[in-house]
Amino acid sequence: AVFLTTHDMAEAERLADRVGLLAD
């Protein structure tokens, strides 16, 4: 299992099965 944080949307789109947006 891989849990990553990133500012690179291309990285998230390439790697992630799911994406969560954390805001405030």
PDB file of all heavy atoms in Angstrom:
ATOM      1  N   ALA A   1       0.856  -1.185   0.000  1.00  0.00           N
ATOM      2  CA  ALA A   1       0.000   0.000   0.000  1.00  0.00           C
ATOM      3  C   ALA A   1       0.894   1.239   0.000  1.00  0.00           C
ATOM      4  O   ALA A   1       1.869   1.306   0.756  1.00  0.00           O
ATOM      5  CB  ALA A   1      -0.908   0.008   1.225  1.00  0.00           C
ATOM      6  N   VAL A   2       0.570   2.201  -0.841  1.00  0.00           N
ATOM      7  CA  VAL A   2       1.379   3.415  -0.957  1.00  0.00           C
ATOM      8  C   VAL A   2       0.489   4.621  -0.682  1.00  0.00           C
ATOM      9  O   VAL A   2      -0.543   4.810  -1.338  1.00  0.00           O
ATOM     10  CB  VAL A   2       2.012   3.545  -2.359  1.00  0.00           C
ATOM     11  CG1 VAL A   2       2.836   4.826  -2.451  1.00  0.00           C
ATOM     12  CG2 VAL A   2       2.877   2.323  -2.672  1.00  0.00           C
ATOM     13  N   PHE A   3       0.895   5.420   0.287  1.00  0.00           N
ATOM     14  CA  PHE A   3       0.187   6.658   0.628  1.00  0.00           C
ATOM     15  C   PHE A   3       1.146   7.802   0.350  1.00  0.00           C
ATOM     16  O   PHE A   3       2.182   7.910   0.992  1.00  0.00           O
ATOM     17  CB  PHE A   3      -0.208   6.655   2.107  1.00  0.00           C
ATOM     18  CG  PHE A   3      -1.044   7.834   2.535  1.00  0.00           C
ATOM     19  CD1 PHE A   3      -2.421   7.704   2.677  1.00  0.00           C
ATOM     20  CD2 PHE A   3      -0.469   9.067   2.794  1.00  0.00           C
ATOM     21  CE1 PHE A   3      -3.202   8.783   3.075  1.00  0.00           C
ATOM     22  CE2 PHE A   3      -1.236  10.149   3.186  1.00  0.00           C
ATOM     23  CZ  PHE A   3      -2.603  10.007   3.326  1.00  0.00           C
ATOM     24  N   LEU A   4       0.819   8.627  -0.651  1.00  0.00           N
ATOM     25  CA  LEU A   4       1.730   9.711  -0.969  1.00  0.00           C
ATOM     26  C   LEU A   4       1.019  11.054  -0.962  1.00  0.00           C
ATOM     27  O   LEU A   4      -0.166  11.154  -1.282  1.00  0.00           O
ATOM     28  CB  LEU A   4       2.399   9.505  -2.323  1.00  0.00           C
ATOM     29  CG  LEU A   4       1.580   9.762  -3.588  1.00  0.00           C
ATOM     30  CD1 LEU A   4       2.444  10.421  -4.648  1.00  0.00           C
ATOM     31  CD2 LEU A   4       1.015   8.474  -4.151  1.00  0.00           C
ATOM     32  N   THR A   5       1.753  12.086  -0.586  1.00  0.00           N
ATOM     33  CA  THR A   5       1.289  13.453  -0.754  1.00  0.00           C
ATOM     34  C   THR A   5       2.086  14.069  -1.902  1.00  0.00           C
ATOM     35  O   THR A   5       3.263  13.755  -2.090  1.00  0.00           O
ATOM     36  CB  THR A   5       1.501  14.302   0.517  1.00  0.00           C
ATOM     37  OG1 THR A   5       2.894  14.609   0.670  1.00  0.00           O
ATOM     38  CG2 THR A   5       1.003  13.563   1.754  1.00  0.00           C
ATOM     39  N   THR A   6       1.436  14.911  -2.659  1.00  0.00           N
ATOM     40  CA  THR A   6       2.118  15.511  -3.809  1.00  0.00           C
ATOM     41  C   THR A   6       1.421  16.785  -4.230  1.00  0.00           C
ATOM     42  O   THR A   6       0.214  16.958  -4.021  1.00  0.00           O
ATOM     43  CB  THR A   6       2.167  14.517  -4.992  1.00  0.00           C
ATOM     44  OG1 THR A   6       2.893  15.096  -6.069  1.00  0.00           O
ATOM     45  CG2 THR A   6       0.773  14.150  -5.472  1.00  0.00           C
ATOM     46  N   HIS A   7       2.203  17.691  -4.830  1.00  0.00           N
ATOM     47  CA  HIS A   7       1.642  18.870  -5.504  1.00  0.00           C
ATOM     48  C   HIS A   7       1.617  18.655  -7.009  1.00  0.00           C
ATOM     49  O   HIS A   7       1.130  19.518  -7.743  1.00  0.00           O
ATOM     50  CB  HIS A   7       2.482  20.115  -5.182  1.00  0.00           C
ATOM     51  CG  HIS A   7       2.285  20.623  -3.791  1.00  0.00           C
ATOM     52  ND1 HIS A   7       1.107  21.189  -3.366  1.00  0.00           N
ATOM     53  CD2 HIS A   7       3.113  20.665  -2.720  1.00  0.00           C
ATOM     54  CE1 HIS A   7       1.212  21.557  -2.097  1.00  0.00           C
ATOM     55  NE2 HIS A   7       2.422  21.239  -1.681  1.00  0.00           N
ATOM     56  N   ASP A   8       2.150  17.532  -7.461  1.00  0.00           N
ATOM     57  CA  ASP A   8       2.265  17.246  -8.886  1.00  0.00           C
ATOM     58  C   ASP A   8       1.029  16.461  -9.327  1.00  0.00           C
ATOM     59  O   ASP A   8       0.905  15.268  -9.047  1.00  0.00           O
ATOM     60  CB  ASP A   8       3.540  16.434  -9.134  1.00  0.00           C
ATOM     61  CG  ASP A   8       3.832  16.208 -10.611  1.00  0.00           C
ATOM     62  OD1 ASP A   8       2.896  16.317 -11.424  1.00  0.00           O
ATOM     63  OD2 ASP A   8       4.993  15.907 -10.935  1.00  0.00           O
ATOM     64  N   MET A   9       0.110  17.134 -10.033  1.00  0.00           N
ATOM     65  CA  MET A   9      -1.123  16.471 -10.437  1.00  0.00           C
ATOM     66  C   MET A   9      -0.852  15.369 -11.461  1.00  0.00           C
ATOM     67  O   MET A   9      -1.569  14.365 -11.511  1.00  0.00           O
ATOM     68  CB  MET A   9      -2.111  17.481 -11.007  1.00  0.00           C
ATOM     69  CG  MET A   9      -2.635  18.480  -9.992  1.00  0.00           C
ATOM     70  SD  MET A   9      -3.419  17.727  -8.553  1.00  0.00           S
ATOM     71  CE  MET A   9      -2.162  18.040  -7.303  1.00  0.00           C
ATOM     72  N   ALA A  10       0.177  15.538 -12.288  1.00  0.00           N
ATOM     73  CA  ALA A  10       0.529  14.467 -13.226  1.00  0.00           C
ATOM     74  C   ALA A  10       0.976  13.227 -12.462  1.00  0.00           C
ATOM     75  O   ALA A  10       0.677  12.095 -12.863  1.00  0.00           O
ATOM     76  CB  ALA A  10       1.629  14.936 -14.176  1.00  0.00           C
ATOM     77  N   GLU A  11       1.686  13.426 -11.366  1.00  0.00           N
ATOM     78  CA  GLU A  11       2.124  12.315 -10.529  1.00  0.00           C
ATOM     79  C   GLU A  11       0.927  11.601  -9.920  1.00  0.00           C
ATOM     80  O   GLU A  11       0.835  10.359  -9.941  1.00  0.00           O
ATOM     81  CB  GLU A  11       3.049  12.836  -9.437  1.00  0.00           C
ATOM     82  CG  GLU A  11       3.614  11.784  -8.517  1.00  0.00           C
ATOM     83  CD  GLU A  11       4.751  12.338  -7.683  1.00  0.00           C
ATOM     84  OE1 GLU A  11       4.484  12.894  -6.589  1.00  0.00           O
ATOM     85  OE2 GLU A  11       5.910  12.240  -8.140  1.00  0.00           O
ATOM     86  N   ALA A  12      -0.010  12.378  -9.376  1.00  0.00           N
ATOM     87  CA  ALA A  12      -1.203  11.778  -8.770  1.00  0.00           C
ATOM     88  C   ALA A  12      -2.042  11.050  -9.812  1.00  0.00           C
ATOM     89  O   ALA A  12      -2.540   9.946  -9.570  1.00  0.00           O
ATOM     90  CB  ALA A  12      -2.034  12.867  -8.089  1.00  0.00           C
ATOM     91  N   GLU A  13      -2.196  11.656 -10.996  1.00  0.00           N
ATOM     92  CA  GLU A  13      -3.012  11.046 -12.040  1.00  0.00           C
ATOM     93  C   GLU A  13      -2.366   9.763 -12.557  1.00  0.00           C
ATOM     94  O   GLU A  13      -3.063   8.798 -12.877  1.00  0.00           O
ATOM     95  CB  GLU A  13      -3.226  12.042 -13.175  1.00  0.00           C
ATOM     96  CG  GLU A  13      -4.366  11.699 -14.104  1.00  0.00           C
ATOM     97  CD  GLU A  13      -4.911  12.904 -14.837  1.00  0.00           C
ATOM     98  OE1 GLU A  13      -4.196  13.931 -14.929  1.00  0.00           O
ATOM     99  OE2 GLU A  13      -6.048  12.825 -15.325  1.00  0.00           O
ATOM    100  N   ARG A  14      -1.060   9.741 -12.630  1.00  0.00           N
ATOM    101  CA  ARG A  14      -0.338   8.558 -13.121  1.00  0.00           C
ATOM    102  C   ARG A  14      -0.379   7.419 -12.097  1.00  0.00           C
ATOM    103  O   ARG A  14      -0.608   6.252 -12.458  1.00  0.00           O
ATOM    104  CB  ARG A  14       1.109   8.948 -13.425  1.00  0.00           C
ATOM    105  CG  ARG A  14       2.120   7.806 -13.477  1.00  0.00           C
ATOM    106  CD  ARG A  14       2.085   6.995 -14.746  1.00  0.00           C
ATOM    107  NE  ARG A  14       3.084   5.918 -14.686  1.00  0.00           N
ATOM    108  CZ  ARG A  14       4.314   5.996 -15.201  1.00  0.00           C
ATOM    109  NH1 ARG A  14       4.712   7.098 -15.826  1.00  0.00           N
ATOM    110  NH2 ARG A  14       5.158   4.975 -15.109  1.00  0.00           N
ATOM    111  N   LEU A  15      -0.169   7.724 -10.824  1.00  0.00           N
ATOM    112  CA  LEU A  15       0.054   6.683  -9.834  1.00  0.00           C
ATOM    113  C   LEU A  15      -1.190   6.246  -9.066  1.00  0.00           C
ATOM    114  O   LEU A  15      -1.318   5.070  -8.719  1.00  0.00           O
ATOM    115  CB  LEU A  15       1.093   7.153  -8.810  1.00  0.00           C
ATOM    116  CG  LEU A  15       2.514   7.398  -9.296  1.00  0.00           C
ATOM    117  CD1 LEU A  15       3.373   7.915  -8.146  1.00  0.00           C
ATOM    118  CD2 LEU A  15       3.116   6.127  -9.872  1.00  0.00           C
ATOM    119  N   ALA A  16      -2.083   7.180  -8.790  1.00  0.00           N
ATOM    120  CA  ALA A  16      -3.094   6.936  -7.758  1.00  0.00           C
ATOM    121  C   ALA A  16      -4.290   6.130  -8.248  1.00  0.00           C
ATOM    122  O   ALA A  16      -4.847   6.399  -9.313  1.00  0.00           O
ATOM    123  CB  ALA A  16      -3.574   8.263  -7.178  1.00  0.00           C
ATOM    124  N   ASP A  17      -4.681   5.151  -7.429  1.00  0.00           N
ATOM    125  CA  ASP A  17      -5.974   4.499  -7.616  1.00  0.00           C
ATOM    126  C   ASP A  17      -7.085   5.412  -7.120  1.00  0.00           C
ATOM    127  O   ASP A  17      -8.161   5.467  -7.717  1.00  0.00           O
ATOM    128  CB  ASP A  17      -6.011   3.176  -6.850  1.00  0.00           C
ATOM    129  CG  ASP A  17      -4.973   2.193  -7.361  1.00  0.00           C
ATOM    130  OD1 ASP A  17      -5.060   1.811  -8.541  1.00  0.00           O
ATOM    131  OD2 ASP A  17      -4.067   1.834  -6.584  1.00  0.00           O
ATOM    132  N   ARG A  18      -6.808   6.109  -6.014  1.00  0.00           N
ATOM    133  CA  ARG A  18      -7.751   7.104  -5.500  1.00  0.00           C
ATOM    134  C   ARG A  18      -6.980   8.344  -5.070  1.00  0.00           C
ATOM    135  O   ARG A  18      -5.819   8.270  -4.653  1.00  0.00           O
ATOM    136  CB  ARG A  18      -8.546   6.555  -4.316  1.00  0.00           C
ATOM    137  CG  ARG A  18      -9.633   5.558  -4.709  1.00  0.00           C
ATOM    138  CD  ARG A  18     -10.503   5.202  -3.527  1.00  0.00           C
ATOM    139  NE  ARG A  18      -9.720   4.571  -2.469  1.00  0.00           N
ATOM    140  CZ  ARG A  18      -9.837   4.870  -1.176  1.00  0.00           C
ATOM    141  NH1 ARG A  18     -10.675   5.817  -0.772  1.00  0.00           N
ATOM    142  NH2 ARG A  18      -9.102   4.236  -0.275  1.00  0.00           N
ATOM    143  N   VAL A  19      -7.670   9.475  -5.159  1.00  0.00           N
ATOM    144  CA  VAL A  19      -7.088  10.761  -4.793  1.00  0.00           C
ATOM    145  C   VAL A  19      -8.012  11.424  -3.785  1.00  0.00           C
ATOM    146  O   VAL A  19      -9.240  11.407  -3.934  1.00  0.00           O
ATOM    147  CB  VAL A  19      -6.933  11.684  -6.026  1.00  0.00           C
ATOM    148  CG1 VAL A  19      -6.407  13.063  -5.609  1.00  0.00           C
ATOM    149  CG2 VAL A  19      -6.011  11.049  -7.050  1.00  0.00           C
ATOM    150  N   GLY A  20      -7.422  12.001  -2.730  1.00  0.00           N
ATOM    151  CA  GLY A  20      -8.185  12.773  -1.764  1.00  0.00           C
ATOM    152  C   GLY A  20      -7.674  14.207  -1.747  1.00  0.00           C
ATOM    153  O   GLY A  20      -6.461  14.435  -1.761  1.00  0.00           O
ATOM    154  N   LEU A  21      -8.602  15.162  -1.754  1.00  0.00           N
ATOM    155  CA  LEU A  21      -8.224  16.572  -1.671  1.00  0.00           C
ATOM    156  C   LEU A  21      -8.442  17.058  -0.254  1.00  0.00           C
ATOM    157  O   LEU A  21      -9.564  17.051   0.257  1.00  0.00           O
ATOM    158  CB  LEU A  21      -9.044  17.424  -2.643  1.00  0.00           C
ATOM    159  CG  LEU A  21      -8.848  18.941  -2.485  1.00  0.00           C
ATOM    160  CD1 LEU A  21      -7.408  19.339  -2.802  1.00  0.00           C
ATOM    161  CD2 LEU A  21      -9.815  19.727  -3.362  1.00  0.00           C
ATOM    162  N   LEU A  22      -7.345  17.461   0.383  1.00  0.00           N
ATOM    163  CA  LEU A  22      -7.395  18.006   1.727  1.00  0.00           C
ATOM    164  C   LEU A  22      -7.316  19.524   1.636  1.00  0.00           C
ATOM    165  O   LEU A  22      -6.399  20.065   1.008  1.00  0.00           O
ATOM    166  CB  LEU A  22      -6.227  17.471   2.563  1.00  0.00           C
ATOM    167  CG  LEU A  22      -6.313  17.666   4.077  1.00  0.00           C
ATOM    168  CD1 LEU A  22      -7.416  16.791   4.672  1.00  0.00           C
ATOM    169  CD2 LEU A  22      -4.983  17.328   4.742  1.00  0.00           C
ATOM    170  N   ALA A  23      -8.281  20.204   2.225  1.00  0.00           N
ATOM    171  CA  ALA A  23      -8.305  21.668   2.208  1.00  0.00           C
ATOM    172  C   ALA A  23      -8.764  22.164   3.566  1.00  0.00           C
ATOM    173  O   ALA A  23      -9.794  21.717   4.086  1.00  0.00           O
ATOM    174  CB  ALA A  23      -9.234  22.195   1.114  1.00  0.00           C
ATOM    175  N   ASP A  24      -7.965  23.058   4.146  1.00  0.00           N
ATOM    176  CA  ASP A  24      -8.294  23.628   5.452  1.00  0.00           C
ATOM    177  C   ASP A  24      -8.580  22.542   6.485  1.00  0.00           C
ATOM    178  O   ASP A  24      -9.486  22.651   7.297  1.00  0.00           O
ATOM    179  CB  ASP A  24      -9.493  24.578   5.323  1.00  0.00           C
ATOM    180  CG  ASP A  24      -9.630  25.510   6.522  1.00  0.00           C
ATOM    181  OD1 ASP A  24      -8.593  25.881   7.109  1.00  0.00           O
ATOM    182  OD2 ASP A  24     -10.773  25.850   6.889  1.00  0.00           O
TER     183      ASP A  24
END
